[in-house]
Amino acid sequence: MSNFYAWCKRYLSLTLLASLVIGSLVLFFNENSLLRTVEQERRITELEASISEATDTLNYYRDLNHSLDTDKETMERIVREQYHMQHPDEDVYIFE
């Protein structure tokens, strides 16, 4: 026990202990702690992936809308496939 007390007296000082306590408070028990920062970075990555997916979907529908406005064949294909519409003089068979 005497060796431990001598080691502590030699290597540990009040400023070292105070700085360790303050450092641990800042890193782990603060509102902006290290763990919370890592969690927020993970959430940011998830949200960026979600934004990228939404942007891709938006671009797809913008292109589809543009092609529906300009190309009559595309509009006819979409109307026939999705809404099962037909000309009055034709028969349509749906296979599922």
PDB file of N, CA and C in Angstrom:
ATOM      1  N   MET A   1       0.818  -1.188   0.000  1.00  0.00           N
ATOM      2  CA  MET A   1       0.000   0.000   0.000  1.00  0.00           C
ATOM      3  C   MET A   1       0.865   1.256   0.000  1.00  0.00           C
ATOM      4  N   SER A   2       1.999   1.134   0.628  1.00  0.00           N
ATOM      5  CA  SER A   2       2.910   2.269   0.702  1.00  0.00           C
ATOM      6  C   SER A   2       3.443   2.630  -0.682  1.00  0.00           C
ATOM      7  N   ASN A   3       3.684   1.602  -1.516  1.00  0.00           N
ATOM      8  CA  ASN A   3       4.170   1.857  -2.877  1.00  0.00           C
ATOM      9  C   ASN A   3       3.126   2.576  -3.713  1.00  0.00           C
ATOM     10  N   PHE A   4       1.860   2.191  -3.552  1.00  0.00           N
ATOM     11  CA  PHE A   4       0.785   2.836  -4.294  1.00  0.00           C
ATOM     12  C   PHE A   4       0.647   4.301  -3.881  1.00  0.00           C
ATOM     13  N   TYR A   5       0.715   4.568  -2.585  1.00  0.00           N
ATOM     14  CA  TYR A   5       0.613   5.943  -2.093  1.00  0.00           C
ATOM     15  C   TYR A   5       1.782   6.779  -2.598  1.00  0.00           C
ATOM     16  N   ALA A   6       2.944   6.201  -2.637  1.00  0.00           N
ATOM     17  CA  ALA A   6       4.125   6.926  -3.116  1.00  0.00           C
ATOM     18  C   ALA A   6       4.006   7.186  -4.621  1.00  0.00           C
ATOM     19  N   TRP A   7       3.514   6.215  -5.366  1.00  0.00           N
ATOM     20  CA  TRP A   7       3.330   6.392  -6.809  1.00  0.00           C
ATOM     21  C   TRP A   7       2.317   7.495  -7.081  1.00  0.00           C
ATOM     22  N   CYS A   8       1.178   7.476  -6.370  1.00  0.00           N
ATOM     23  CA  CYS A   8       0.140   8.497  -6.546  1.00  0.00           C
ATOM     24  C   CYS A   8       0.689   9.878  -6.196  1.00  0.00           C
ATOM     25  N   LYS A   9       1.445   9.957  -5.117  1.00  0.00           N
ATOM     26  CA  LYS A   9       1.994  11.235  -4.697  1.00  0.00           C
ATOM     27  C   LYS A   9       3.000  11.760  -5.715  1.00  0.00           C
ATOM     28  N   ARG A  10       3.730  10.834  -6.331  1.00  0.00           N
ATOM     29  CA  ARG A  10       4.760  11.247  -7.274  1.00  0.00           C
ATOM     30  C   ARG A  10       4.182  11.652  -8.636  1.00  0.00           C
ATOM     31  N   TYR A  11       3.209  10.882  -9.167  1.00  0.00           N
ATOM     32  CA  TYR A  11       2.748  11.089 -10.548  1.00  0.00           C
ATOM     33  C   TYR A  11       1.405  11.820 -10.680  1.00  0.00           C
ATOM     34  N   LEU A  12       0.609  11.823  -9.656  1.00  0.00           N
ATOM     35  CA  LEU A  12      -0.696  12.486  -9.742  1.00  0.00           C
ATOM     36  C   LEU A  12      -0.632  13.823  -9.024  1.00  0.00           C
ATOM     37  N   SER A  13      -1.147  14.818  -9.694  1.00  0.00           N
ATOM     38  CA  SER A  13      -1.203  16.127  -9.070  1.00  0.00           C
ATOM     39  C   SER A  13      -2.637  16.639  -9.149  1.00  0.00           C
ATOM     40  N   LEU A  14      -2.893  17.694  -8.439  1.00  0.00           N
ATOM     41  CA  LEU A  14      -4.231  18.251  -8.406  1.00  0.00           C
ATOM     42  C   LEU A  14      -4.638  18.785  -9.791  1.00  0.00           C
ATOM     43  N   THR A  15      -3.713  19.376 -10.511  1.00  0.00           N
ATOM     44  CA  THR A  15      -4.042  19.901 -11.840  1.00  0.00           C
ATOM     45  C   THR A  15      -4.326  18.778 -12.834  1.00  0.00           C
ATOM     46  N   LEU A  16      -3.597  17.674 -12.727  1.00  0.00           N
ATOM     47  CA  LEU A  16      -3.842  16.525 -13.597  1.00  0.00           C
ATOM     48  C   LEU A  16      -5.209  15.927 -13.311  1.00  0.00           C
ATOM     49  N   LEU A  17      -5.540  15.749 -12.056  1.00  0.00           N
ATOM     50  CA  LEU A  17      -6.842  15.192 -11.706  1.00  0.00           C
ATOM     51  C   LEU A  17      -7.975  16.130 -12.121  1.00  0.00           C
ATOM     52  N   ALA A  18      -7.784  17.434 -11.914  1.00  0.00           N
ATOM     53  CA  ALA A  18      -8.810  18.396 -12.301  1.00  0.00           C
ATOM     54  C   ALA A  18      -9.000  18.399 -13.819  1.00  0.00           C
ATOM     55  N   SER A  19      -7.907  18.333 -14.559  1.00  0.00           N
ATOM     56  CA  SER A  19      -8.032  18.319 -16.018  1.00  0.00           C
ATOM     57  C   SER A  19      -8.670  17.022 -16.503  1.00  0.00           C
ATOM     58  N   LEU A  20      -8.398  15.889 -15.861  1.00  0.00           N
ATOM     59  CA  LEU A  20      -9.051  14.632 -16.226  1.00  0.00           C
ATOM     60  C   LEU A  20     -10.544  14.677 -15.944  1.00  0.00           C
ATOM     61  N   VAL A  21     -10.929  15.252 -14.815  1.00  0.00           N
ATOM     62  CA  VAL A  21     -12.349  15.367 -14.477  1.00  0.00           C
ATOM     63  C   VAL A  21     -13.050  16.296 -15.467  1.00  0.00           C
ATOM     64  N   ILE A  22     -12.465  17.434 -15.756  1.00  0.00           N
ATOM     65  CA  ILE A  22     -13.075  18.374 -16.699  1.00  0.00           C
ATOM     66  C   ILE A  22     -13.130  17.772 -18.102  1.00  0.00           C
ATOM     67  N   GLY A  23     -12.069  17.078 -18.499  1.00  0.00           N
ATOM     68  CA  GLY A  23     -12.067  16.427 -19.816  1.00  0.00           C
ATOM     69  C   GLY A  23     -13.144  15.366 -19.931  1.00  0.00           C
ATOM     70  N   SER A  24     -13.322  14.557 -18.896  1.00  0.00           N
ATOM     71  CA  SER A  24     -14.371  13.525 -18.942  1.00  0.00           C
ATOM     72  C   SER A  24     -15.754  14.159 -18.921  1.00  0.00           C
ATOM     73  N   LEU A  25     -15.925  15.250 -18.189  1.00  0.00           N
ATOM     74  CA  LEU A  25     -17.224  15.938 -18.198  1.00  0.00           C
ATOM     75  C   LEU A  25     -17.541  16.481 -19.590  1.00  0.00           C
ATOM     76  N   VAL A  26     -16.553  17.058 -20.221  1.00  0.00           N
ATOM     77  CA  VAL A  26     -16.774  17.631 -21.554  1.00  0.00           C
ATOM     78  C   VAL A  26     -17.025  16.539 -22.587  1.00  0.00           C
ATOM     79  N   LEU A  27     -16.289  15.452 -22.526  1.00  0.00           N
ATOM     80  CA  LEU A  27     -16.407  14.405 -23.544  1.00  0.00           C
ATOM     81  C   LEU A  27     -17.640  13.523 -23.369  1.00  0.00           C
ATOM     82  N   PHE A  28     -18.031  13.227 -22.140  1.00  0.00           N
ATOM     83  CA  PHE A  28     -19.067  12.212 -21.948  1.00  0.00           C
ATOM     84  C   PHE A  28     -20.356  12.725 -21.306  1.00  0.00           C
ATOM     85  N   PHE A  29     -20.307  13.737 -20.479  1.00  0.00           N
ATOM     86  CA  PHE A  29     -21.490  14.138 -19.732  1.00  0.00           C
ATOM     87  C   PHE A  29     -22.020  15.514 -20.112  1.00  0.00           C
ATOM     88  N   ASN A  30     -21.569  16.052 -21.189  1.00  0.00           N
ATOM     89  CA  ASN A  30     -21.984  17.356 -21.662  1.00  0.00           C
ATOM     90  C   ASN A  30     -23.189  17.206 -22.588  1.00  0.00           C
ATOM     91  N   GLU A  31     -23.889  18.296 -22.849  1.00  0.00           N
ATOM     92  CA  GLU A  31     -24.998  18.266 -23.806  1.00  0.00           C
ATOM     93  C   GLU A  31     -24.503  17.906 -25.198  1.00  0.00           C
ATOM     94  N   ASN A  32     -23.310  18.332 -25.550  1.00  0.00           N
ATOM     95  CA  ASN A  32     -22.701  18.022 -26.844  1.00  0.00           C
ATOM     96  C   ASN A  32     -21.603  16.985 -26.662  1.00  0.00           C
ATOM     97  N   SER A  33     -21.926  15.887 -26.027  1.00  0.00           N
ATOM     98  CA  SER A  33     -20.926  14.875 -25.714  1.00  0.00           C
ATOM     99  C   SER A  33     -20.477  14.122 -26.958  1.00  0.00           C
ATOM    100  N   LEU A  34     -19.438  13.356 -26.784  1.00  0.00           N
ATOM    101  CA  LEU A  34     -18.873  12.586 -27.891  1.00  0.00           C
ATOM    102  C   LEU A  34     -19.871  11.553 -28.401  1.00  0.00           C
ATOM    103  N   LEU A  35     -20.573  10.887 -27.501  1.00  0.00           N
ATOM    104  CA  LEU A  35     -21.551   9.874 -27.904  1.00  0.00           C
ATOM    105  C   LEU A  35     -22.713  10.498 -28.681  1.00  0.00           C
ATOM    106  N   ARG A  36     -23.165  11.647 -28.219  1.00  0.00           N
ATOM    107  CA  ARG A  36     -24.260  12.325 -28.915  1.00  0.00           C
ATOM    108  C   ARG A  36     -23.813  12.809 -30.292  1.00  0.00           C
ATOM    109  N   THR A  37     -22.582  13.263 -30.395  1.00  0.00           N
ATOM    110  CA  THR A  37     -22.050  13.710 -31.677  1.00  0.00           C
ATOM    111  C   THR A  37     -21.986  12.562 -32.674  1.00  0.00           C
ATOM    112  N   VAL A  38     -21.548  11.395 -32.229  1.00  0.00           N
ATOM    113  CA  VAL A  38     -21.492  10.222 -33.107  1.00  0.00           C
ATOM    114  C   VAL A  38     -22.892   9.830 -33.545  1.00  0.00           C
ATOM    115  N   GLU A  39     -23.847   9.871 -32.627  1.00  0.00           N
ATOM    116  CA  GLU A  39     -25.230   9.536 -32.971  1.00  0.00           C
ATOM    117  C   GLU A  39     -25.802  10.531 -33.982  1.00  0.00           C
ATOM    118  N   GLN A  40     -25.500  11.797 -33.804  1.00  0.00           N
ATOM    119  CA  GLN A  40     -25.990  12.801 -34.745  1.00  0.00           C
ATOM    120  C   GLN A  40     -25.335  12.663 -36.114  1.00  0.00           C
ATOM    121  N   GLU A  41     -24.074  12.296 -36.166  1.00  0.00           N
ATOM    122  CA  GLU A  41     -23.406  12.057 -37.453  1.00  0.00           C
ATOM    123  C   GLU A  41     -24.042  10.883 -38.187  1.00  0.00           C
ATOM    124  N   ARG A  42     -24.406   9.835 -37.451  1.00  0.00           N
ATOM    125  CA  ARG A  42     -25.080   8.682 -38.057  1.00  0.00           C
ATOM    126  C   ARG A  42     -26.442   9.094 -38.605  1.00  0.00           C
ATOM    127  N   ARG A  43     -27.155   9.901 -37.859  1.00  0.00           N
ATOM    128  CA  ARG A  43     -28.468  10.374 -38.299  1.00  0.00           C
ATOM    129  C   ARG A  43     -28.340  11.257 -39.548  1.00  0.00           C
ATOM    130  N   ILE A  44     -27.307  12.081 -39.592  1.00  0.00           N
ATOM    131  CA  ILE A  44     -27.065  12.927 -40.766  1.00  0.00           C
ATOM    132  C   ILE A  44     -26.814  12.064 -41.997  1.00  0.00           C
ATOM    133  N   THR A  45     -26.049  10.991 -41.834  1.00  0.00           N
ATOM    134  CA  THR A  45     -25.781  10.082 -42.951  1.00  0.00           C
ATOM    135  C   THR A  45     -27.072   9.440 -43.447  1.00  0.00           C
ATOM    136  N   GLU A  46     -27.938   9.016 -42.519  1.00  0.00           N
ATOM    137  CA  GLU A  46     -29.218   8.426 -42.906  1.00  0.00           C
ATOM    138  C   GLU A  46     -30.083   9.436 -43.651  1.00  0.00           C
ATOM    139  N   LEU A  47     -30.125  10.665 -43.161  1.00  0.00           N
ATOM    140  CA  LEU A  47     -30.943  11.692 -43.806  1.00  0.00           C
ATOM    141  C   LEU A  47     -30.405  12.061 -45.181  1.00  0.00           C
ATOM    142  N   GLU A  48     -29.085  12.088 -45.337  1.00  0.00           N
ATOM    143  CA  GLU A  48     -28.509  12.363 -46.659  1.00  0.00           C
ATOM    144  C   GLU A  48     -28.860  11.264 -47.645  1.00  0.00           C
ATOM    145  N   ALA A  49     -28.871  10.005 -47.186  1.00  0.00           N
ATOM    146  CA  ALA A  49     -29.273   8.908 -48.067  1.00  0.00           C
ATOM    147  C   ALA A  49     -30.742   9.037 -48.448  1.00  0.00           C
ATOM    148  N   SER A  50     -31.566   9.428 -47.503  1.00  0.00           N
ATOM    149  CA  SER A  50     -32.987   9.620 -47.778  1.00  0.00           C
ATOM    150  C   SER A  50     -33.201  10.763 -48.764  1.00  0.00           C
ATOM    151  N   ILE A  51     -32.455  11.837 -48.615  1.00  0.00           N
ATOM    152  CA  ILE A  51     -32.550  12.973 -49.543  1.00  0.00           C
ATOM    153  C   ILE A  51     -32.119  12.550 -50.941  1.00  0.00           C
ATOM    154  N   SER A  52     -31.060  11.755 -51.025  1.00  0.00           N
ATOM    155  CA  SER A  52     -30.591  11.284 -52.325  1.00  0.00           C
ATOM    156  C   SER A  52     -31.649  10.421 -53.009  1.00  0.00           C
ATOM    157  N   GLU A  53     -32.282   9.538 -52.248  1.00  0.00           N
ATOM    158  CA  GLU A  53     -33.328   8.687 -52.800  1.00  0.00           C
ATOM    159  C   GLU A  53     -34.521   9.525 -53.261  1.00  0.00           C
ATOM    160  N   ALA A  54     -34.910  10.512 -52.463  1.00  0.00           N
ATOM    161  CA  ALA A  54     -36.029  11.373 -52.830  1.00  0.00           C
ATOM    162  C   ALA A  54     -35.695  12.205 -54.065  1.00  0.00           C
ATOM    163  N   THR A  55     -34.450  12.642 -54.186  1.00  0.00           N
ATOM    164  CA  THR A  55     -34.034  13.413 -55.358  1.00  0.00           C
ATOM    165  C   THR A  55     -34.085  12.564 -56.616  1.00  0.00           C
ATOM    166  N   ASP A  56     -33.650  11.301 -56.504  1.00  0.00           N
ATOM    167  CA  ASP A  56     -33.730  10.401 -57.655  1.00  0.00           C
ATOM    168  C   ASP A  56     -35.174  10.187 -58.088  1.00  0.00           C
ATOM    169  N   THR A  57     -36.067   9.994 -57.126  1.00  0.00           N
ATOM    170  CA  THR A  57     -37.479   9.816 -57.439  1.00  0.00           C
ATOM    171  C   THR A  57     -38.057  11.075 -58.074  1.00  0.00           C
ATOM    172  N   LEU A  58     -37.684  12.217 -57.534  1.00  0.00           N
ATOM    173  CA  LEU A  58     -38.154  13.493 -58.086  1.00  0.00           C
ATOM    174  C   LEU A  58     -37.697  13.666 -59.529  1.00  0.00           C
ATOM    175  N   ASN A  59     -36.442  13.347 -59.808  1.00  0.00           N
ATOM    176  CA  ASN A  59     -35.930  13.463 -61.179  1.00  0.00           C
ATOM    177  C   ASN A  59     -36.660  12.516 -62.123  1.00  0.00           C
ATOM    178  N   TYR A  60     -36.957  11.283 -61.662  1.00  0.00           N
ATOM    179  CA  TYR A  60     -37.686  10.328 -62.488  1.00  0.00           C
ATOM    180  C   TYR A  60     -39.053  10.881 -62.861  1.00  0.00           C
ATOM    181  N   TYR A  61     -39.777  11.416 -61.864  1.00  0.00           N
ATOM    182  CA  TYR A  61     -41.120  11.926 -62.147  1.00  0.00           C
ATOM    183  C   TYR A  61     -41.092  13.227 -62.943  1.00  0.00           C
ATOM    184  N   ARG A  62     -40.064  14.025 -62.774  1.00  0.00           N
ATOM    185  CA  ARG A  62     -39.925  15.224 -63.625  1.00  0.00           C
ATOM    186  C   ARG A  62     -39.737  14.829 -65.085  1.00  0.00           C
ATOM    187  N   ASP A  63     -38.851  13.844 -65.309  1.00  0.00           N
ATOM    188  CA  ASP A  63     -38.627  13.386 -66.681  1.00  0.00           C
ATOM    189  C   ASP A  63     -39.889  12.760 -67.264  1.00  0.00           C
ATOM    190  N   LEU A  64     -40.598  11.988 -66.445  1.00  0.00           N
ATOM    191  CA  LEU A  64     -41.839  11.378 -66.911  1.00  0.00           C
ATOM    192  C   LEU A  64     -42.872  12.442 -67.235  1.00  0.00           C
ATOM    193  N   ASN A  65     -42.983  13.451 -66.391  1.00  0.00           N
ATOM    194  CA  ASN A  65     -43.927  14.537 -66.642  1.00  0.00           C
ATOM    195  C   ASN A  65     -43.574  15.286 -67.916  1.00  0.00           C
ATOM    196  N   HIS A  66     -42.292  15.537 -68.118  1.00  0.00           N
ATOM    197  CA  HIS A  66     -41.862  16.222 -69.342  1.00  0.00           C
ATOM    198  C   HIS A  66     -42.180  15.381 -70.574  1.00  0.00           C
ATOM    199  N   SER A  67     -41.920  14.083 -70.490  1.00  0.00           N
ATOM    200  CA  SER A  67     -42.196  13.230 -71.645  1.00  0.00           C
ATOM    201  C   SER A  67     -43.698  13.087 -71.877  1.00  0.00           C
ATOM    202  N   LEU A  68     -44.496  13.136 -70.811  1.00  0.00           N
ATOM    203  CA  LEU A  68     -45.946  13.098 -71.002  1.00  0.00           C
ATOM    204  C   LEU A  68     -46.451  14.372 -71.673  1.00  0.00           C
ATOM    205  N   ASP A  69     -45.808  15.492 -71.368  1.00  0.00           N
ATOM    206  CA  ASP A  69     -46.210  16.753 -71.993  1.00  0.00           C
ATOM    207  C   ASP A  69     -45.796  16.834 -73.454  1.00  0.00           C
ATOM    208  N   THR A  70     -44.687  16.228 -73.814  1.00  0.00           N
ATOM    209  CA  THR A  70     -44.158  16.416 -75.161  1.00  0.00           C
ATOM    210  C   THR A  70     -44.378  15.239 -76.095  1.00  0.00           C
ATOM    211  N   ASP A  71     -44.463  14.030 -75.567  1.00  0.00           N
ATOM    212  CA  ASP A  71     -44.514  12.838 -76.414  1.00  0.00           C
ATOM    213  C   ASP A  71     -45.870  12.145 -76.271  1.00  0.00           C
ATOM    214  N   LYS A  72     -46.619  12.118 -77.363  1.00  0.00           N
ATOM    215  CA  LYS A  72     -47.955  11.536 -77.328  1.00  0.00           C
ATOM    216  C   LYS A  72     -47.915  10.014 -77.134  1.00  0.00           C
ATOM    217  N   GLU A  73     -46.909   9.350 -77.707  1.00  0.00           N
ATOM    218  CA  GLU A  73     -46.816   7.898 -77.565  1.00  0.00           C
ATOM    219  C   GLU A  73     -46.565   7.489 -76.107  1.00  0.00           C
ATOM    220  N   THR A  74     -45.754   8.270 -75.418  1.00  0.00           N
ATOM    221  CA  THR A  74     -45.490   7.967 -74.007  1.00  0.00           C
ATOM    222  C   THR A  74     -46.765   8.132 -73.195  1.00  0.00           C
ATOM    223  N   MET A  75     -47.514   9.174 -73.459  1.00  0.00           N
ATOM    224  CA  MET A  75     -48.760   9.375 -72.731  1.00  0.00           C
ATOM    225  C   MET A  75     -49.725   8.224 -73.001  1.00  0.00           C
ATOM    226  N   GLU A  76     -49.815   7.814 -74.222  1.00  0.00           N
ATOM    227  CA  GLU A  76     -50.721   6.717 -74.554  1.00  0.00           C
ATOM    228  C   GLU A  76     -50.271   5.412 -73.890  1.00  0.00           C
ATOM    229  N   ARG A  77     -48.980   5.165 -73.872  1.00  0.00           N
ATOM    230  CA  ARG A  77     -48.469   3.951 -73.223  1.00  0.00           C
ATOM    231  C   ARG A  77     -48.768   3.953 -71.721  1.00  0.00           C
ATOM    232  N   ILE A  78     -48.545   5.077 -71.066  1.00  0.00           N
ATOM    233  CA  ILE A  78     -48.799   5.162 -69.626  1.00  0.00           C
ATOM    234  C   ILE A  78     -50.289   5.001 -69.332  1.00  0.00           C
ATOM    235  N   VAL A  79     -51.124   5.645 -70.102  1.00  0.00           N
ATOM    236  CA  VAL A  79     -52.571   5.551 -69.881  1.00  0.00           C
ATOM    237  C   VAL A  79     -53.046   4.125 -70.091  1.00  0.00           C
ATOM    238  N   ARG A  80     -52.542   3.460 -71.106  1.00  0.00           N
ATOM    239  CA  ARG A  80     -52.958   2.083 -71.360  1.00  0.00           C
ATOM    240  C   ARG A  80     -52.468   1.125 -70.273  1.00  0.00           C
ATOM    241  N   GLU A  81     -51.209   1.290 -69.841  1.00  0.00           N
ATOM    242  CA  GLU A  81     -50.641   0.352 -68.870  1.00  0.00           C
ATOM    243  C   GLU A  81     -51.189   0.567 -67.458  1.00  0.00           C
ATOM    244  N   GLN A  82     -51.272   1.804 -67.024  1.00  0.00           N
ATOM    245  CA  GLN A  82     -51.637   2.047 -65.634  1.00  0.00           C
ATOM    246  C   GLN A  82     -53.139   2.178 -65.405  1.00  0.00           C
ATOM    247  N   TYR A  83     -53.861   2.710 -66.378  1.00  0.00           N
ATOM    248  CA  TYR A  83     -55.284   2.962 -66.175  1.00  0.00           C
ATOM    249  C   TYR A  83     -56.171   2.045 -67.016  1.00  0.00           C
ATOM    250  N   HIS A  84     -55.577   1.130 -67.753  1.00  0.00           N
ATOM    251  CA  HIS A  84     -56.292   0.121 -68.551  1.00  0.00           C
ATOM    252  C   HIS A  84     -57.335   0.754 -69.475  1.00  0.00           C
ATOM    253  N   MET A  85     -56.978   1.868 -70.078  1.00  0.00           N
ATOM    254  CA  MET A  85     -57.878   2.512 -71.028  1.00  0.00           C
ATOM    255  C   MET A  85     -57.636   1.954 -72.421  1.00  0.00           C
ATOM    256  N   GLN A  86     -58.639   2.099 -73.247  1.00  0.00           N
ATOM    257  CA  GLN A  86     -58.547   1.537 -74.590  1.00  0.00           C
ATOM    258  C   GLN A  86     -59.323   2.413 -75.558  1.00  0.00           C
ATOM    259  N   HIS A  87     -59.065   2.180 -76.834  1.00  0.00           N
ATOM    260  CA  HIS A  87     -59.850   2.843 -77.872  1.00  0.00           C
ATOM    261  C   HIS A  87     -61.206   2.162 -77.944  1.00  0.00           C
ATOM    262  N   PRO A  88     -62.211   2.858 -78.426  1.00  0.00           N
ATOM    263  CA  PRO A  88     -63.559   2.256 -78.463  1.00  0.00           C
ATOM    264  C   PRO A  88     -63.662   1.009 -79.336  1.00  0.00           C
ATOM    265  N   ASP A  89     -62.816   0.867 -80.341  1.00  0.00           N
ATOM    266  CA  ASP A  89     -62.952  -0.249 -81.278  1.00  0.00           C
ATOM    267  C   ASP A  89     -61.971  -1.380 -81.027  1.00  0.00           C
ATOM    268  N   GLU A  90     -61.368  -1.482 -79.839  1.00  0.00           N
ATOM    269  CA  GLU A  90     -60.406  -2.537 -79.603  1.00  0.00           C
ATOM    270  C   GLU A  90     -60.709  -3.292 -78.303  1.00  0.00           C
ATOM    271  N   ASP A  91     -60.223  -4.506 -78.223  1.00  0.00           N
ATOM    272  CA  ASP A  91     -60.370  -5.325 -77.026  1.00  0.00           C
ATOM    273  C   ASP A  91     -59.016  -5.415 -76.329  1.00  0.00           C
ATOM    274  N   VAL A  92     -59.047  -5.349 -75.007  1.00  0.00           N
ATOM    275  CA  VAL A  92     -57.805  -5.397 -74.223  1.00  0.00           C
ATOM    276  C   VAL A  92     -57.881  -6.587 -73.290  1.00  0.00           C
ATOM    277  N   TYR A  93     -56.817  -7.388 -73.267  1.00  0.00           N
ATOM    278  CA  TYR A  93     -56.721  -8.534 -72.368  1.00  0.00           C
ATOM    279  C   TYR A  93     -55.594  -8.277 -71.384  1.00  0.00           C
ATOM    280  N   ILE A  94     -55.897  -8.427 -70.100  1.00  0.00           N
ATOM    281  CA  ILE A  94     -54.905  -8.158 -69.052  1.00  0.00           C
ATOM    282  C   ILE A  94     -54.447  -9.492 -68.464  1.00  0.00           C
ATOM    283  N   PHE A  95     -53.136  -9.709 -68.499  1.00  0.00           N
ATOM    284  CA  PHE A  95     -52.551 -10.915 -67.926  1.00  0.00           C
ATOM    285  C   PHE A  95     -51.815 -10.540 -66.652  1.00  0.00           C
ATOM    286  N   GLU A  96     -52.115 -11.220 -65.571  1.00  0.00           N
ATOM    287  CA  GLU A  96     -51.435 -10.931 -64.304  1.00  0.00           C
ATOM    288  C   GLU A  96     -50.721 -12.153 -63.787  1.00  0.00           C
TER     289      GLU A  96
END
